[in-house]
Amino acid sequence: MELRYAKTGILMIEILPDKCDFCGCCVGVCPEDAIELKEAEISIIDERCTNCAKCVWSCPIEVIVFNRDGVTVK
């Protein structure tokens, strides 16, 4: 199991893309500009993310989760 790494260590923020409605709430609150939203695709830019979890709190449909075990490479 290979883990993804954020700016501050192991990446713990995970987006469940199949459930996302691409509203962009998370993009607006990210202080590091670490969330990329393109039409029908959303992703975290690992090297910018600091695991602050502001995106997790801002998501109205709970598709962004804080994974304490870390996010694995897919």
N, C-alpha and C. Protein backbone atom coordinates (compact mmCIF):
# COMPACT_ATOMS: atom_id res chain seq x y z
N MET A 1 0.85 -1.18 0.00
CA MET A 1 0.00 0.00 0.00
C MET A 1 0.89 1.25 0.00
N GLU A 2 0.83 2.00 -1.06
CA GLU A 2 1.62 3.22 -1.18
C GLU A 2 0.76 4.43 -0.85
N LEU A 3 1.26 5.28 0.06
CA LEU A 3 0.50 6.46 0.49
C LEU A 3 0.86 7.68 -0.35
N ARG A 4 -0.11 8.58 -0.49
CA ARG A 4 0.13 9.87 -1.15
C ARG A 4 0.61 10.86 -0.09
N TYR A 5 1.43 11.81 -0.50
CA TYR A 5 1.99 12.77 0.45
C TYR A 5 1.58 14.20 0.13
N ALA A 6 1.22 14.92 1.18
CA ALA A 6 0.84 16.33 1.09
C ALA A 6 2.06 17.18 1.43
N LYS A 7 1.86 18.48 1.42
CA LYS A 7 2.92 19.43 1.76
C LYS A 7 3.46 19.21 3.16
N THR A 8 2.61 18.75 4.05
CA THR A 8 2.98 18.61 5.47
C THR A 8 3.10 17.17 5.95
N GLY A 9 3.18 16.23 5.05
CA GLY A 9 3.28 14.82 5.45
C GLY A 9 2.30 13.96 4.67
N ILE A 10 1.80 12.92 5.30
CA ILE A 10 0.87 12.01 4.63
C ILE A 10 -0.43 12.74 4.31
N LEU A 11 -0.91 12.59 3.08
CA LEU A 11 -2.17 13.21 2.66
C LEU A 11 -3.33 12.50 3.35
N MET A 12 -4.19 13.28 4.00
CA MET A 12 -5.31 12.71 4.74
C MET A 12 -6.66 13.18 4.22
N ILE A 13 -6.65 14.07 3.23
CA ILE A 13 -7.90 14.58 2.66
C ILE A 13 -8.20 13.78 1.40
N GLU A 14 -9.40 13.23 1.34
CA GLU A 14 -9.78 12.40 0.20
C GLU A 14 -11.11 12.86 -0.37
N ILE A 15 -11.18 12.93 -1.68
CA ILE A 15 -12.42 13.30 -2.37
C ILE A 15 -13.04 12.03 -2.94
N LEU A 16 -14.33 11.86 -2.73
CA LEU A 16 -15.06 10.73 -3.31
C LEU A 16 -15.68 11.23 -4.61
N PRO A 17 -14.95 11.16 -5.73
CA PRO A 17 -15.35 11.82 -6.97
C PRO A 17 -16.67 11.36 -7.56
N ASP A 18 -17.06 10.11 -7.32
CA ASP A 18 -18.31 9.60 -7.87
C ASP A 18 -19.54 10.24 -7.24
N LYS A 19 -19.35 10.89 -6.08
CA LYS A 19 -20.48 11.50 -5.39
C LYS A 19 -20.49 13.02 -5.49
N CYS A 20 -19.40 13.61 -5.97
CA CYS A 20 -19.24 15.07 -6.04
C CYS A 20 -20.18 15.68 -7.09
N ASP A 21 -20.80 16.81 -6.73
CA ASP A 21 -21.66 17.51 -7.70
C ASP A 21 -20.94 18.73 -8.29
N PHE A 22 -19.65 18.88 -7.98
CA PHE A 22 -18.78 19.92 -8.55
C PHE A 22 -19.28 21.34 -8.29
N CYS A 23 -19.78 21.57 -7.07
CA CYS A 23 -20.30 22.89 -6.70
C CYS A 23 -19.19 23.92 -6.51
N GLY A 24 -17.99 23.46 -6.12
CA GLY A 24 -16.86 24.37 -5.95
C GLY A 24 -16.71 24.99 -4.57
N CYS A 25 -17.55 24.62 -3.62
CA CYS A 25 -17.44 25.17 -2.26
C CYS A 25 -16.06 24.95 -1.67
N CYS A 26 -15.51 23.79 -1.89
CA CYS A 26 -14.20 23.43 -1.34
C CYS A 26 -13.07 24.27 -1.96
N VAL A 27 -13.19 24.57 -3.23
CA VAL A 27 -12.17 25.35 -3.93
C VAL A 27 -12.05 26.73 -3.31
N GLY A 28 -13.17 27.34 -3.00
CA GLY A 28 -13.18 28.69 -2.44
C GLY A 28 -12.61 28.82 -1.05
N VAL A 29 -12.64 27.75 -0.26
CA VAL A 29 -12.14 27.84 1.12
C VAL A 29 -10.71 27.36 1.30
N CYS A 30 -10.14 26.73 0.30
CA CYS A 30 -8.79 26.18 0.42
C CYS A 30 -7.74 27.29 0.42
N PRO A 31 -7.03 27.48 1.55
CA PRO A 31 -6.06 28.56 1.64
C PRO A 31 -4.80 28.31 0.81
N GLU A 32 -4.58 27.08 0.38
CA GLU A 32 -3.38 26.74 -0.37
C GLU A 32 -3.65 26.55 -1.86
N ASP A 33 -4.90 26.79 -2.29
CA ASP A 33 -5.29 26.58 -3.69
C ASP A 33 -4.91 25.17 -4.14
N ALA A 34 -5.25 24.19 -3.30
CA ALA A 34 -4.84 22.81 -3.53
C ALA A 34 -5.92 21.93 -4.13
N ILE A 35 -7.05 22.52 -4.49
CA ILE A 35 -8.12 21.73 -5.10
C ILE A 35 -8.35 22.24 -6.51
N GLU A 36 -8.28 21.31 -7.44
CA GLU A 36 -8.44 21.66 -8.85
C GLU A 36 -9.78 21.13 -9.34
N LEU A 37 -10.57 22.02 -9.91
CA LEU A 37 -11.89 21.67 -10.42
C LEU A 37 -11.93 21.99 -11.90
N LYS A 38 -12.13 20.97 -12.70
CA LYS A 38 -12.23 21.11 -14.15
C LYS A 38 -13.51 20.43 -14.61
N GLU A 39 -14.43 21.19 -15.12
CA GLU A 39 -15.72 20.70 -15.61
C GLU A 39 -16.30 19.58 -14.74
N ALA A 40 -16.10 18.33 -15.08
CA ALA A 40 -16.66 17.22 -14.31
C ALA A 40 -15.56 16.39 -13.66
N GLU A 41 -14.50 17.06 -13.19
CA GLU A 41 -13.39 16.37 -12.54
C GLU A 41 -12.84 17.24 -11.42
N ILE A 42 -12.58 16.62 -10.29
CA ILE A 42 -12.04 17.35 -9.14
C ILE A 42 -10.89 16.54 -8.54
N SER A 43 -9.85 17.24 -8.11
CA SER A 43 -8.71 16.53 -7.53
C SER A 43 -7.96 17.43 -6.55
N ILE A 44 -7.19 16.79 -5.70
CA ILE A 44 -6.35 17.50 -4.75
C ILE A 44 -4.94 17.54 -5.31
N ILE A 45 -4.32 18.71 -5.25
CA ILE A 45 -2.93 18.85 -5.67
C ILE A 45 -2.10 18.55 -4.42
N ASP A 46 -1.59 17.34 -4.36
CA ASP A 46 -0.93 16.82 -3.16
C ASP A 46 0.13 17.76 -2.59
N GLU A 47 1.01 18.27 -3.44
CA GLU A 47 2.13 19.07 -2.95
C GLU A 47 1.73 20.43 -2.40
N ARG A 48 0.48 20.83 -2.59
CA ARG A 48 -0.01 22.10 -2.02
C ARG A 48 -0.83 21.89 -0.76
N CYS A 49 -1.45 20.73 -0.60
CA CYS A 49 -2.36 20.45 0.51
C CYS A 49 -1.62 20.41 1.84
N THR A 50 -2.21 21.05 2.86
CA THR A 50 -1.63 21.04 4.21
C THR A 50 -2.50 20.26 5.20
N ASN A 51 -3.51 19.55 4.70
CA ASN A 51 -4.43 18.77 5.54
C ASN A 51 -5.20 19.63 6.54
N CYS A 52 -5.46 20.87 6.21
CA CYS A 52 -6.15 21.77 7.14
C CYS A 52 -7.62 21.38 7.35
N ALA A 53 -8.20 20.66 6.40
CA ALA A 53 -9.57 20.14 6.46
C ALA A 53 -10.66 21.20 6.28
N LYS A 54 -10.32 22.40 5.86
CA LYS A 54 -11.36 23.40 5.60
C LYS A 54 -12.30 22.93 4.49
N CYS A 55 -11.75 22.22 3.53
CA CYS A 55 -12.58 21.69 2.44
C CYS A 55 -13.56 20.64 2.96
N VAL A 56 -13.13 19.85 3.92
CA VAL A 56 -14.00 18.82 4.51
C VAL A 56 -15.21 19.48 5.17
N TRP A 57 -14.95 20.53 5.96
CA TRP A 57 -16.03 21.22 6.66
C TRP A 57 -16.96 21.97 5.72
N SER A 58 -16.44 22.41 4.57
CA SER A 58 -17.24 23.23 3.66
C SER A 58 -18.11 22.43 2.70
N CYS A 59 -17.83 21.16 2.54
CA CYS A 59 -18.57 20.36 1.55
C CYS A 59 -19.99 20.08 2.03
N PRO A 60 -20.99 20.60 1.29
CA PRO A 60 -22.38 20.44 1.73
C PRO A 60 -22.93 19.02 1.60
N ILE A 61 -22.27 18.18 0.80
CA ILE A 61 -22.78 16.81 0.63
C ILE A 61 -21.80 15.75 1.12
N GLU A 62 -20.79 16.17 1.87
CA GLU A 62 -19.85 15.28 2.55
C GLU A 62 -19.14 14.30 1.63
N VAL A 63 -18.64 14.80 0.50
CA VAL A 63 -17.87 13.94 -0.40
C VAL A 63 -16.37 14.10 -0.20
N ILE A 64 -15.98 15.04 0.66
CA ILE A 64 -14.58 15.19 1.01
C ILE A 64 -14.44 14.71 2.45
N VAL A 65 -13.55 13.76 2.65
CA VAL A 65 -13.42 13.14 3.97
C VAL A 65 -11.99 13.25 4.48
N PHE A 66 -11.86 13.23 5.81
CA PHE A 66 -10.55 13.21 6.46
C PHE A 66 -10.25 11.76 6.80
N ASN A 67 -9.24 11.21 6.15
CA ASN A 67 -8.89 9.81 6.33
C ASN A 67 -7.65 9.70 7.22
N ARG A 68 -7.82 9.37 8.47
CA ARG A 68 -6.72 9.33 9.44
C ARG A 68 -5.62 8.32 9.07
N ASP A 69 -5.96 7.33 8.28
CA ASP A 69 -4.99 6.32 7.87
C ASP A 69 -4.16 6.76 6.67
N GLY A 70 -4.53 7.88 6.07
CA GLY A 70 -3.84 8.37 4.88
C GLY A 70 -4.52 7.90 3.61
N VAL A 71 -4.26 8.62 2.54
CA VAL A 71 -4.86 8.33 1.24
C VAL A 71 -3.85 7.52 0.42
N THR A 72 -4.31 6.42 -0.15
CA THR A 72 -3.42 5.57 -0.93
C THR A 72 -3.40 5.98 -2.39
N VAL A 73 -2.29 5.66 -3.06
CA VAL A 73 -2.16 5.90 -4.50
C VAL A 73 -3.05 4.90 -5.20
N LYS A 74 -3.79 5.39 -6.19
CA LYS A 74 -4.71 4.49 -6.92
C LYS A 74 -4.12 4.06 -8.24
